[in-house]
């Protein structure tokens, strides 16, 4: 099974309920690792909250005091972790969040309300 197919198939109960299976941990850990950087977390937030569901790299870069190549590096890390998809249109690249993996990460971290 391809890494992409595995990523789509992974699902598990919240970690507070049951141990995370090794296969699920291996697939989801790179996404958590990618989000461990403040710039990448901010980039993902900007991408996921974009009104149209996607955002141009031309709108992401000015929001940071970083060079274009550094922003590109962070965006590539988010893509490789499966958190975002990218589509080139002419000279610009547009990014959109991948809701399925975000839901998996959120479900894994969900905690039952205390009574």
Protein backbone atom coordinates (compact mmCIF):
# COMPACT_ATOMS: atom_id res chain seq x y z
CA UNK A 1 0.00 0.00 0.00
CA UNK A 2 1.38 3.42 -0.90
CA UNK A 3 2.22 5.93 1.82
CA UNK A 4 -0.63 8.14 0.56
CA UNK A 5 -3.12 5.25 0.71
CA UNK A 6 -1.85 4.29 4.16
CA UNK A 7 -2.21 7.90 5.33
CA UNK A 8 -5.82 7.93 4.12
CA UNK A 9 -6.60 4.58 5.77
CA UNK A 10 -5.12 5.33 9.19
CA UNK A 11 -7.56 5.94 11.95
CA UNK A 12 -7.51 5.16 15.58
CA UNK A 13 -9.28 6.06 18.80
CA UNK A 14 -8.04 8.96 20.94
CA UNK A 15 -4.72 8.25 22.59
CA UNK A 16 -6.32 8.79 26.01
CA UNK A 17 -8.56 5.78 25.34
CA UNK A 18 -6.19 3.27 23.83
CA UNK A 19 -2.57 2.85 22.79
CA UNK A 20 -1.83 4.21 19.31
CA UNK A 21 -1.02 1.33 16.93
CA UNK A 22 2.54 1.39 15.59
CA UNK A 23 1.37 1.78 11.97
CA UNK A 24 -0.82 4.76 12.84
CA UNK A 25 1.99 6.34 14.86
CA UNK A 26 4.42 5.94 11.95
CA UNK A 27 2.00 7.64 9.55
CA UNK A 28 0.83 10.46 11.84
CA UNK A 29 4.13 11.31 13.56
CA UNK A 30 5.56 13.24 10.56
CA UNK A 31 2.47 15.47 10.57
CA UNK A 32 2.90 16.23 14.27
CA UNK A 33 6.62 16.80 13.74
CA UNK A 34 5.90 19.24 10.90
CA UNK A 35 3.56 21.18 13.17
CA UNK A 36 6.25 21.42 15.84
CA UNK A 37 7.70 24.48 14.11
CA UNK A 38 5.97 27.82 14.86
CA UNK A 39 6.23 29.07 11.27
CA UNK A 40 4.74 25.87 9.86
CA UNK A 41 1.94 25.97 12.42
CA UNK A 42 1.17 29.56 11.39
CA UNK A 43 1.34 28.68 7.70
CA UNK A 44 -1.06 25.78 8.16
CA UNK A 45 -3.40 28.04 10.11
CA UNK A 46 -3.36 30.61 7.31
CA UNK A 47 -3.96 27.92 4.68
CA UNK A 48 -6.72 26.12 6.59
CA UNK A 49 -8.54 29.35 7.43
CA UNK A 50 -8.39 30.86 3.94
CA UNK A 51 -11.88 32.01 2.96
CA UNK A 52 -11.81 30.36 -0.46
CA UNK A 53 -10.35 27.14 0.92
CA UNK A 54 -6.99 27.84 -0.66
CA UNK A 55 -4.35 30.53 -0.60
CA UNK A 56 -1.60 31.68 -2.94
CA UNK A 57 2.00 31.54 -1.81
CA UNK A 58 2.07 35.21 -2.82
CA UNK A 59 -0.27 35.90 0.13
CA UNK A 60 1.69 33.73 2.57
CA UNK A 61 5.21 35.04 2.07
CA UNK A 62 4.59 38.70 3.07
CA UNK A 63 3.13 37.59 6.42
CA UNK A 64 6.59 36.52 7.63
CA UNK A 65 9.95 38.18 8.05
CA UNK A 66 11.59 35.29 6.19
CA UNK A 67 12.99 34.79 2.70
CA UNK A 68 10.97 33.17 -0.07
CA UNK A 69 13.17 30.06 -0.09
CA UNK A 70 12.66 29.61 3.66
CA UNK A 71 8.88 29.85 3.28
CA UNK A 72 9.11 27.36 0.38
CA UNK A 73 11.05 24.97 2.61
CA UNK A 74 8.36 25.13 5.30
CA UNK A 75 5.58 24.64 2.74
CA UNK A 76 7.41 21.64 1.27
CA UNK A 77 7.64 20.14 4.75
CA UNK A 78 3.87 20.58 5.21
CA UNK A 79 3.26 18.95 1.81
CA UNK A 80 5.59 16.03 2.54
CA UNK A 81 3.82 15.48 5.88
CA UNK A 82 0.52 15.27 4.01
CA UNK A 83 -0.99 18.31 5.70
CA UNK A 84 -1.49 20.40 2.56
CA UNK A 85 -1.91 19.98 -1.19
CA UNK A 86 -0.38 22.37 -3.71
CA UNK A 87 -1.34 23.31 -7.24
CA UNK A 88 0.76 25.41 -9.61
CA UNK A 89 -1.14 27.99 -11.65
CA UNK A 90 1.18 29.91 -13.90
CA UNK A 91 3.95 31.35 -11.76
CA UNK A 92 2.11 30.94 -8.44
CA UNK A 93 1.41 27.94 -6.24
CA UNK A 94 -1.87 27.65 -4.35
CA UNK A 95 -2.14 25.65 -1.13
CA UNK A 96 -5.11 24.01 0.55
CA UNK A 97 -5.33 22.04 3.77
CA UNK A 98 -6.11 18.33 3.72
CA UNK A 99 -9.08 18.04 6.09
CA UNK A 100 -8.90 14.24 6.45
CA UNK A 101 -5.45 14.23 8.05
CA UNK A 102 -6.33 17.24 10.20
CA UNK A 103 -9.40 15.37 11.47
CA UNK A 104 -7.25 12.33 12.25
CA UNK A 105 -4.79 14.44 14.24
CA UNK A 106 -7.62 16.16 16.09
CA UNK A 107 -9.38 12.86 16.84
CA UNK A 108 -6.17 11.35 18.16
CA UNK A 109 -5.73 14.26 20.57
CA UNK A 110 -9.35 14.55 21.64
CA UNK A 111 -10.04 14.09 25.32
CA UNK A 112 -13.37 13.21 26.88
CA UNK A 113 -14.83 16.11 28.87
CA UNK A 114 -14.30 15.86 32.60
CA UNK A 115 -17.39 15.41 34.69
